[in-house]
Amino acid sequence: MNVEELARKYYPMLWDKQRIEALVAAGRLSREAAEAIMEGGKKE
């Protein structure tokens, strides 16, 4: 699994918005992917 897949799986149950933002700041997750995850959108 990559970071985006993990974020989709664990947000918001185990990972909160701050964790997603930290991944974006670290360059591990794109801003677009983070916004889609936090909005609840699924790319399937």
C-alpha atoms as a PDB file:
ATOM      1  CA  MET A   1       0.000   0.000   0.000  1.00  0.00           C
ATOM      2  CA  ASN A   2       1.151   3.515  -0.708  1.00  0.00           C
ATOM      3  CA  VAL A   3       0.579   6.564   1.491  1.00  0.00           C
ATOM      4  CA  GLU A   4      -2.551   7.660  -0.362  1.00  0.00           C
ATOM      5  CA  GLU A   5      -4.158   4.231   0.023  1.00  0.00           C
ATOM      6  CA  LEU A   6      -3.322   4.199   3.733  1.00  0.00           C
ATOM      7  CA  ALA A   7      -4.756   7.681   4.178  1.00  0.00           C
ATOM      8  CA  ARG A   8      -7.982   6.667   2.455  1.00  0.00           C
ATOM      9  CA  LYS A   9      -8.211   3.599   4.674  1.00  0.00           C
ATOM     10  CA  TYR A  10      -7.450   5.262   8.004  1.00  0.00           C
ATOM     11  CA  TYR A  11      -8.972   8.750   7.686  1.00  0.00           C
ATOM     12  CA  PRO A  12     -10.867   9.723   9.824  1.00  0.00           C
ATOM     13  CA  MET A  13     -10.937   6.625  12.058  1.00  0.00           C
ATOM     14  CA  LEU A  14      -7.252   6.536  13.006  1.00  0.00           C
ATOM     15  CA  TRP A  15      -5.727   9.500  11.186  1.00  0.00           C
ATOM     16  CA  ASP A  16      -7.031  13.020  11.713  1.00  0.00           C
ATOM     17  CA  LYS A  17      -6.756  16.118   9.533  1.00  0.00           C
ATOM     18  CA  GLN A  18      -3.443  17.049  11.166  1.00  0.00           C
ATOM     19  CA  ARG A  19      -1.922  13.718  10.111  1.00  0.00           C
ATOM     20  CA  ILE A  20      -3.055  14.234   6.513  1.00  0.00           C
ATOM     21  CA  GLU A  21      -1.651  17.781   6.554  1.00  0.00           C
ATOM     22  CA  ALA A  22       1.649  16.472   7.952  1.00  0.00           C
ATOM     23  CA  LEU A  23       1.900  14.003   5.066  1.00  0.00           C
ATOM     24  CA  VAL A  24       1.341  16.848   2.587  1.00  0.00           C
ATOM     25  CA  ALA A  25       3.970  19.009   4.325  1.00  0.00           C
ATOM     26  CA  ALA A  26       6.444  16.117   4.195  1.00  0.00           C
ATOM     27  CA  GLY A  27       5.814  15.670   0.474  1.00  0.00           C
ATOM     28  CA  ARG A  28       4.411  12.189   0.917  1.00  0.00           C
ATOM     29  CA  LEU A  29       0.873  13.066  -0.208  1.00  0.00           C
ATOM     30  CA  SER A  30      -0.276  15.552  -2.838  1.00  0.00           C
ATOM     31  CA  ARG A  31      -2.497  18.472  -1.878  1.00  0.00           C
ATOM     32  CA  GLU A  32      -5.126  17.282  -4.369  1.00  0.00           C
ATOM     33  CA  ALA A  33      -5.200  13.777  -2.897  1.00  0.00           C
ATOM     34  CA  ALA A  34      -5.405  15.171   0.643  1.00  0.00           C
ATOM     35  CA  GLU A  35      -8.352  17.386  -0.251  1.00  0.00           C
ATOM     36  CA  ALA A  36     -10.159  14.491  -1.920  1.00  0.00           C
ATOM     37  CA  ILE A  37      -9.573  12.264   1.104  1.00  0.00           C
ATOM     38  CA  MET A  38     -10.755  14.891   3.584  1.00  0.00           C
ATOM     39  CA  GLU A  39     -13.849  15.605   1.482  1.00  0.00           C
ATOM     40  CA  GLY A  40     -14.655  11.909   1.486  1.00  0.00           C
ATOM     41  CA  GLY A  41     -14.209  11.499  -2.246  1.00  0.00           C
ATOM     42  CA  LYS A  42     -13.087   8.144  -3.576  1.00  0.00           C
ATOM     43  CA  LYS A  43     -11.078   7.574  -6.738  1.00  0.00           C
ATOM     44  CA  GLU A  44     -12.144   4.110  -7.796  1.00  0.00           C
END
